[in-house]
Amino acid sequence: MKRADVKRRTSEGVVFDTQVMVNPANTAEWIVFFKKGAGRSFFLVDEAEQVETFASLDELMPELRALGIKRVEVQL
């Protein structure tokens, strides 16, 4: 799911079960995973539909706040 879509949906009151986890392809990076009802789930992707990665949790948390995410589970 692209940033604009996440931001729009959170502003509409949609609550995502948001998880942050280590990128399995590169354990020095973090990725974001959104779970929605009915078993649907999405990764945070960029405009080219590539999964966005973050170098640190310190870099990632302000990004999630800007998208309207209020709660997140971190999986180590």
PDB file of N, CA and C in Angstrom:
ATOM      1  N   MET A   1       0.850  -1.158   0.000  1.00  0.00           N
ATOM      2  CA  MET A   1       0.000   0.000   0.000  1.00  0.00           C
ATOM      3  C   MET A   1       0.906   1.235   0.000  1.00  0.00           C
ATOM      4  N   LYS A   2       0.595   2.166  -0.842  1.00  0.00           N
ATOM      5  CA  LYS A   2       1.396   3.384  -0.952  1.00  0.00           C
ATOM      6  C   LYS A   2       1.088   4.340   0.197  1.00  0.00           C
ATOM      7  N   ARG A   3       2.053   5.220   0.478  1.00  0.00           N
ATOM      8  CA  ARG A   3       1.912   6.174   1.581  1.00  0.00           C
ATOM      9  C   ARG A   3       0.629   6.994   1.487  1.00  0.00           C
ATOM     10  N   ALA A   4       0.330   7.493   0.299  1.00  0.00           N
ATOM     11  CA  ALA A   4      -0.866   8.330   0.136  1.00  0.00           C
ATOM     12  C   ALA A   4      -2.129   7.550   0.491  1.00  0.00           C
ATOM     13  N   ASP A   5      -2.168   6.275   0.139  1.00  0.00           N
ATOM     14  CA  ASP A   5      -3.333   5.444   0.456  1.00  0.00           C
ATOM     15  C   ASP A   5      -3.458   5.220   1.964  1.00  0.00           C
ATOM     16  N   VAL A   6      -2.328   4.965   2.613  1.00  0.00           N
ATOM     17  CA  VAL A   6      -2.349   4.771   4.068  1.00  0.00           C
ATOM     18  C   VAL A   6      -2.826   6.046   4.750  1.00  0.00           C
ATOM     19  N   LYS A   7      -2.269   7.171   4.341  1.00  0.00           N
ATOM     20  CA  LYS A   7      -2.628   8.452   4.957  1.00  0.00           C
ATOM     21  C   LYS A   7      -4.115   8.766   4.756  1.00  0.00           C
ATOM     22  N   ARG A   8      -4.608   8.523   3.554  1.00  0.00           N
ATOM     23  CA  ARG A   8      -6.024   8.778   3.268  1.00  0.00           C
ATOM     24  C   ARG A   8      -6.915   7.889   4.131  1.00  0.00           C
ATOM     25  N   ARG A   9      -6.572   6.626   4.211  1.00  0.00           N
ATOM     26  CA  ARG A   9      -7.412   5.696   4.970  1.00  0.00           C
ATOM     27  C   ARG A   9      -7.379   5.974   6.468  1.00  0.00           C
ATOM     28  N   THR A  10      -6.211   6.318   7.002  1.00  0.00           N
ATOM     29  CA  THR A  10      -6.165   6.637   8.431  1.00  0.00           C
ATOM     30  C   THR A  10      -6.949   7.912   8.717  1.00  0.00           C
ATOM     31  N   SER A  11      -6.928   8.867   7.787  1.00  0.00           N
ATOM     32  CA  SER A  11      -7.707  10.097   7.993  1.00  0.00           C
ATOM     33  C   SER A  11      -9.208   9.820   7.922  1.00  0.00           C
ATOM     34  N   GLU A  12      -9.583   8.737   7.242  1.00  0.00           N
ATOM     35  CA  GLU A  12     -10.991   8.321   7.173  1.00  0.00           C
ATOM     36  C   GLU A  12     -11.398   7.487   8.382  1.00  0.00           C
ATOM     37  N   GLY A  13     -10.446   7.217   9.274  1.00  0.00           N
ATOM     38  CA  GLY A  13     -10.754   6.465  10.483  1.00  0.00           C
ATOM     39  C   GLY A  13     -10.425   4.988  10.428  1.00  0.00           C
ATOM     40  N   VAL A  14      -9.829   4.536   9.340  1.00  0.00           N
ATOM     41  CA  VAL A  14      -9.433   3.129   9.246  1.00  0.00           C
ATOM     42  C   VAL A  14      -8.264   2.893  10.197  1.00  0.00           C
ATOM     43  N   VAL A  15      -8.352   1.826  10.973  1.00  0.00           N
ATOM     44  CA  VAL A  15      -7.281   1.470  11.902  1.00  0.00           C
ATOM     45  C   VAL A  15      -6.599   0.218  11.372  1.00  0.00           C
ATOM     46  N   PHE A  16      -5.306   0.317  11.189  1.00  0.00           N
ATOM     47  CA  PHE A  16      -4.523  -0.818  10.712  1.00  0.00           C
ATOM     48  C   PHE A  16      -3.822  -1.488  11.880  1.00  0.00           C
ATOM     49  N   ASP A  17      -3.696  -2.800  11.820  1.00  0.00           N
ATOM     50  CA  ASP A  17      -2.827  -3.545  12.719  1.00  0.00           C
ATOM     51  C   ASP A  17      -1.451  -3.466  12.066  1.00  0.00           C
ATOM     52  N   THR A  18      -0.609  -2.562  12.548  1.00  0.00           N
ATOM     53  CA  THR A  18       0.662  -2.255  11.899  1.00  0.00           C
ATOM     54  C   THR A  18       1.802  -2.976  12.591  1.00  0.00           C
ATOM     55  N   GLN A  19       2.606  -3.648  11.790  1.00  0.00           N
ATOM     56  CA  GLN A  19       3.762  -4.364  12.318  1.00  0.00           C
ATOM     57  C   GLN A  19       5.012  -3.906  11.592  1.00  0.00           C
ATOM     58  N   VAL A  20       6.075  -3.770  12.350  1.00  0.00           N
ATOM     59  CA  VAL A  20       7.390  -3.456  11.797  1.00  0.00           C
ATOM     60  C   VAL A  20       8.257  -4.672  12.051  1.00  0.00           C
ATOM     61  N   MET A  21       8.960  -5.104  11.020  1.00  0.00           N
ATOM     62  CA  MET A  21       9.790  -6.296  11.166  1.00  0.00           C
ATOM     63  C   MET A  21      11.085  -6.145  10.386  1.00  0.00           C
ATOM     64  N   VAL A  22      12.045  -6.965  10.748  1.00  0.00           N
ATOM     65  CA  VAL A  22      13.312  -6.991  10.023  1.00  0.00           C
ATOM     66  C   VAL A  22      13.044  -7.518   8.617  1.00  0.00           C
ATOM     67  N   ASN A  23      13.653  -6.877   7.648  1.00  0.00           N
ATOM     68  CA  ASN A  23      13.528  -7.305   6.254  1.00  0.00           C
ATOM     69  C   ASN A  23      14.235  -8.654   6.096  1.00  0.00           C
ATOM     70  N   PRO A  24      13.518  -9.703   5.712  1.00  0.00           N
ATOM     71  CA  PRO A  24      14.171 -11.011   5.573  1.00  0.00           C
ATOM     72  C   PRO A  24      15.255 -11.033   4.489  1.00  0.00           C
ATOM     73  N   ALA A  25      15.152 -10.137   3.515  1.00  0.00           N
ATOM     74  CA  ALA A  25      16.145 -10.088   2.438  1.00  0.00           C
ATOM     75  C   ALA A  25      17.410  -9.332   2.842  1.00  0.00           C
ATOM     76  N   ASN A  26      17.298  -8.480   3.877  1.00  0.00           N
ATOM     77  CA  ASN A  26      18.452  -7.711   4.358  1.00  0.00           C
ATOM     78  C   ASN A  26      18.190  -7.377   5.821  1.00  0.00           C
ATOM     79  N   THR A  27      18.801  -8.103   6.712  1.00  0.00           N
ATOM     80  CA  THR A  27      18.497  -7.967   8.139  1.00  0.00           C
ATOM     81  C   THR A  27      18.994  -6.661   8.753  1.00  0.00           C
ATOM     82  N   ALA A  28      19.608  -5.798   7.967  1.00  0.00           N
ATOM     83  CA  ALA A  28      19.999  -4.470   8.445  1.00  0.00           C
ATOM     84  C   ALA A  28      18.900  -3.446   8.173  1.00  0.00           C
ATOM     85  N   GLU A  29      17.785  -3.890   7.597  1.00  0.00           N
ATOM     86  CA  GLU A  29      16.692  -2.987   7.240  1.00  0.00           C
ATOM     87  C   GLU A  29      15.392  -3.419   7.907  1.00  0.00           C
ATOM     88  N   TRP A  30      14.470  -2.463   7.991  1.00  0.00           N
ATOM     89  CA  TRP A  30      13.137  -2.696   8.556  1.00  0.00           C
ATOM     90  C   TRP A  30      12.082  -2.467   7.483  1.00  0.00           C
ATOM     91  N   ILE A  31      10.987  -3.230   7.554  1.00  0.00           N
ATOM     92  CA  ILE A  31       9.861  -3.061   6.639  1.00  0.00           C
ATOM     93  C   ILE A  31       8.574  -2.942   7.451  1.00  0.00           C
ATOM     94  N   VAL A  32       7.532  -2.409   6.805  1.00  0.00           N
ATOM     95  CA  VAL A  32       6.243  -2.177   7.465  1.00  0.00           C
ATOM     96  C   VAL A  32       5.189  -3.060   6.818  1.00  0.00           C
ATOM     97  N   PHE A  33       4.380  -3.678   7.668  1.00  0.00           N
ATOM     98  CA  PHE A  33       3.347  -4.612   7.243  1.00  0.00           C
ATOM     99  C   PHE A  33       2.034  -4.185   7.887  1.00  0.00           C
ATOM    100  N   PHE A  34       0.993  -4.011   7.077  1.00  0.00           N
ATOM    101  CA  PHE A  34      -0.330  -3.628   7.577  1.00  0.00           C
ATOM    102  C   PHE A  34      -1.277  -4.809   7.436  1.00  0.00           C
ATOM    103  N   LYS A  35      -1.995  -5.124   8.511  1.00  0.00           N
ATOM    104  CA  LYS A  35      -3.046  -6.142   8.445  1.00  0.00           C
ATOM    105  C   LYS A  35      -4.384  -5.431   8.538  1.00  0.00           C
ATOM    106  N   LYS A  36      -5.308  -5.865   7.690  1.00  0.00           N
ATOM    107  CA  LYS A  36      -6.663  -5.337   7.715  1.00  0.00           C
ATOM    108  C   LYS A  36      -7.615  -6.492   7.923  1.00  0.00           C
ATOM    109  N   GLY A  37      -8.868  -6.181   8.133  1.00  0.00           N
ATOM    110  CA  GLY A  37      -9.864  -7.223   8.327  1.00  0.00           C
ATOM    111  C   GLY A  37      -9.959  -8.166   7.140  1.00  0.00           C
ATOM    112  N   ALA A  38     -10.628  -9.267   7.334  1.00  0.00           N
ATOM    113  CA  ALA A  38     -10.871 -10.278   6.296  1.00  0.00           C
ATOM    114  C   ALA A  38      -9.578 -10.897   5.773  1.00  0.00           C
ATOM    115  N   GLY A  39      -8.528 -10.904   6.604  1.00  0.00           N
ATOM    116  CA  GLY A  39      -7.296 -11.574   6.222  1.00  0.00           C
ATOM    117  C   GLY A  39      -6.452 -10.854   5.192  1.00  0.00           C
ATOM    118  N   ARG A  40      -6.778  -9.617   4.889  1.00  0.00           N
ATOM    119  CA  ARG A  40      -6.002  -8.867   3.905  1.00  0.00           C
ATOM    120  C   ARG A  40      -4.799  -8.220   4.577  1.00  0.00           C
ATOM    121  N   SER A  41      -3.681  -8.194   3.871  1.00  0.00           N
ATOM    122  CA  SER A  41      -2.488  -7.562   4.413  1.00  0.00           C
ATOM    123  C   SER A  41      -1.705  -6.890   3.289  1.00  0.00           C
ATOM    124  N   PHE A  42      -0.917  -5.884   3.680  1.00  0.00           N
ATOM    125  CA  PHE A  42      -0.191  -5.071   2.710  1.00  0.00           C
ATOM    126  C   PHE A  42       1.157  -4.668   3.282  1.00  0.00           C
ATOM    127  N   PHE A  43       2.147  -4.529   2.421  1.00  0.00           N
ATOM    128  CA  PHE A  43       3.417  -3.909   2.793  1.00  0.00           C
ATOM    129  C   PHE A  43       3.343  -2.435   2.414  1.00  0.00           C
ATOM    130  N   LEU A  44       4.118  -1.609   3.086  1.00  0.00           N
ATOM    131  CA  LEU A  44       4.262  -0.218   2.680  1.00  0.00           C
ATOM    132  C   LEU A  44       5.170  -0.208   1.458  1.00  0.00           C
ATOM    133  N   VAL A  45       4.671   0.329   0.345  1.00  0.00           N
ATOM    134  CA  VAL A  45       5.435   0.336  -0.903  1.00  0.00           C
ATOM    135  C   VAL A  45       5.600   1.763  -1.417  1.00  0.00           C
ATOM    136  N   ASP A  46       6.604   1.939  -2.270  1.00  0.00           N
ATOM    137  CA  ASP A  46       6.833   3.248  -2.875  1.00  0.00           C
ATOM    138  C   ASP A  46       6.006   3.380  -4.153  1.00  0.00           C
ATOM    139  N   GLU A  47       6.210   4.454  -4.875  1.00  0.00           N
ATOM    140  CA  GLU A  47       5.429   4.710  -6.096  1.00  0.00           C
ATOM    141  C   GLU A  47       5.671   3.667  -7.183  1.00  0.00           C
ATOM    142  N   ALA A  48       6.818   2.988  -7.130  1.00  0.00           N
ATOM    143  CA  ALA A  48       7.134   1.942  -8.109  1.00  0.00           C
ATOM    144  C   ALA A  48       6.676   0.565  -7.628  1.00  0.00           C
ATOM    145  N   GLU A  49       5.866   0.552  -6.545  1.00  0.00           N
ATOM    146  CA  GLU A  49       5.333  -0.691  -5.968  1.00  0.00           C
ATOM    147  C   GLU A  49       6.420  -1.591  -5.378  1.00  0.00           C
ATOM    148  N   GLN A  50       7.553  -1.002  -4.997  1.00  0.00           N
ATOM    149  CA  GLN A  50       8.623  -1.744  -4.333  1.00  0.00           C
ATOM    150  C   GLN A  50       8.466  -1.564  -2.824  1.00  0.00           C
ATOM    151  N   VAL A  51       8.697  -2.625  -2.068  1.00  0.00           N
ATOM    152  CA  VAL A  51       8.575  -2.547  -0.614  1.00  0.00           C
ATOM    153  C   VAL A  51       9.572  -1.520  -0.088  1.00  0.00           C
ATOM    154  N   GLU A  52       9.063  -0.580   0.710  1.00  0.00           N
ATOM    155  CA  GLU A  52       9.939   0.436   1.293  1.00  0.00           C
ATOM    156  C   GLU A  52      10.715  -0.170   2.452  1.00  0.00           C
ATOM    157  N   THR A  53      11.980   0.189   2.544  1.00  0.00           N
ATOM    158  CA  THR A  53      12.819  -0.283   3.639  1.00  0.00           C
ATOM    159  C   THR A  53      13.390   0.921   4.377  1.00  0.00           C
ATOM    160  N   PHE A  54      13.711   0.699   5.635  1.00  0.00           N
ATOM    161  CA  PHE A  54      14.221   1.762   6.495  1.00  0.00           C
ATOM    162  C   PHE A  54      15.453   1.249   7.224  1.00  0.00           C
ATOM    163  N   ALA A  55      16.448   2.116   7.359  1.00  0.00           N
ATOM    164  CA  ALA A  55      17.718   1.722   7.964  1.00  0.00           C
ATOM    165  C   ALA A  55      17.628   1.569   9.476  1.00  0.00           C
ATOM    166  N   SER A  56      16.681   2.277  10.100  1.00  0.00           N
ATOM    167  CA  SER A  56      16.583   2.192  11.557  1.00  0.00           C
ATOM    168  C   SER A  56      15.156   2.470  12.013  1.00  0.00           C
ATOM    169  N   LEU A  57      14.862   2.032  13.220  1.00  0.00           N
ATOM    170  CA  LEU A  57      13.554   2.337  13.807  1.00  0.00           C
ATOM    171  C   LEU A  57      13.425   3.827  14.073  1.00  0.00           C
ATOM    172  N   ASP A  58      14.536   4.475  14.408  1.00  0.00           N
ATOM    173  CA  ASP A  58      14.508   5.922  14.640  1.00  0.00           C
ATOM    174  C   ASP A  58      14.091   6.676  13.379  1.00  0.00           C
ATOM    175  N   GLU A  59      14.477   6.179  12.234  1.00  0.00           N
ATOM    176  CA  GLU A  59      14.085   6.779  10.953  1.00  0.00           C
ATOM    177  C   GLU A  59      12.625   6.461  10.627  1.00  0.00           C
ATOM    178  N   LEU A  60      12.195   5.281  10.990  1.00  0.00           N
ATOM    179  CA  LEU A  60      10.870   4.793  10.609  1.00  0.00           C
ATOM    180  C   LEU A  60       9.723   5.395  11.417  1.00  0.00           C
ATOM    181  N   MET A  61       9.882   5.552  12.715  1.00  0.00           N
ATOM    182  CA  MET A  61       8.764   5.980  13.564  1.00  0.00           C
ATOM    183  C   MET A  61       8.165   7.330  13.163  1.00  0.00           C
ATOM    184  N   PRO A  62       8.969   8.359  12.858  1.00  0.00           N
ATOM    185  CA  PRO A  62       8.355   9.619  12.400  1.00  0.00           C
ATOM    186  C   PRO A  62       7.576   9.451  11.090  1.00  0.00           C
ATOM    187  N   GLU A  63       8.043   8.558  10.239  1.00  0.00           N
ATOM    188  CA  GLU A  63       7.333   8.286   8.984  1.00  0.00           C
ATOM    189  C   GLU A  63       5.946   7.705   9.268  1.00  0.00           C
ATOM    190  N   LEU A  64       5.881   6.766  10.205  1.00  0.00           N
ATOM    191  CA  LEU A  64       4.589   6.164  10.545  1.00  0.00           C
ATOM    192  C   LEU A  64       3.656   7.191  11.181  1.00  0.00           C
ATOM    193  N   ARG A  65       4.192   8.033  12.043  1.00  0.00           N
ATOM    194  CA  ARG A  65       3.366   9.090  12.656  1.00  0.00           C
ATOM    195  C   ARG A  65       2.791  10.008  11.585  1.00  0.00           C
ATOM    196  N   ALA A  66       3.602  10.351  10.599  1.00  0.00           N
ATOM    197  CA  ALA A  66       3.153  11.232   9.517  1.00  0.00           C
ATOM    198  C   ALA A  66       2.034  10.592   8.693  1.00  0.00           C
ATOM    199  N   LEU A  67       1.990   9.265   8.684  1.00  0.00           N
ATOM    200  CA  LEU A  67       0.935   8.556   7.957  1.00  0.00           C
ATOM    201  C   LEU A  67      -0.339   8.393   8.785  1.00  0.00           C
ATOM    202  N   GLY A  68      -0.280   8.796  10.047  1.00  0.00           N
ATOM    203  CA  GLY A  68      -1.449   8.679  10.910  1.00  0.00           C
ATOM    204  C   GLY A  68      -1.498   7.399  11.723  1.00  0.00           C
ATOM    205  N   ILE A  69      -0.413   6.641  11.707  1.00  0.00           N
ATOM    206  CA  ILE A  69      -0.355   5.393  12.474  1.00  0.00           C
ATOM    207  C   ILE A  69      -0.084   5.744  13.933  1.00  0.00           C
ATOM    208  N   LYS A  70      -0.915   5.214  14.818  1.00  0.00           N
ATOM    209  CA  LYS A  70      -0.788   5.535  16.236  1.00  0.00           C
ATOM    210  C   LYS A  70      -0.235   4.383  17.069  1.00  0.00           C
ATOM    211  N   ARG A  71      -0.378   3.172  16.590  1.00  0.00           N
ATOM    212  CA  ARG A  71       0.125   1.997  17.318  1.00  0.00           C
ATOM    213  C   ARG A  71       0.875   1.107  16.345  1.00  0.00           C
ATOM    214  N   VAL A  72       1.953   0.523  16.849  1.00  0.00           N
ATOM    215  CA  VAL A  72       2.750  -0.365  16.007  1.00  0.00           C
ATOM    216  C   VAL A  72       3.347  -1.465  16.879  1.00  0.00           C
ATOM    217  N   GLU A  73       3.422  -2.644  16.320  1.00  0.00           N
ATOM    218  CA  GLU A  73       4.078  -3.773  16.980  1.00  0.00           C
ATOM    219  C   GLU A  73       5.409  -3.991  16.276  1.00  0.00           C
ATOM    220  N   VAL A  74       6.476  -4.085  17.055  1.00  0.00           N
ATOM    221  CA  VAL A  74       7.806  -4.313  16.491  1.00  0.00           C
ATOM    222  C   VAL A  74       8.179  -5.767  16.722  1.00  0.00           C
ATOM    223  N   GLN A  75       8.506  -6.452  15.644  1.00  0.00           N
ATOM    224  CA  GLN A  75       8.947  -7.844  15.727  1.00  0.00           C
ATOM    225  C   GLN A  75      10.448  -7.881  15.507  1.00  0.00           C
ATOM    226  N   LEU A  76      11.156  -8.382  16.496  1.00  0.00           N
ATOM    227  CA  LEU A  76      12.621  -8.435  16.407  1.00  0.00           C
ATOM    228  C   LEU A  76      13.093  -9.716  15.755  1.00  0.00           C
TER     229      LEU A  76
END
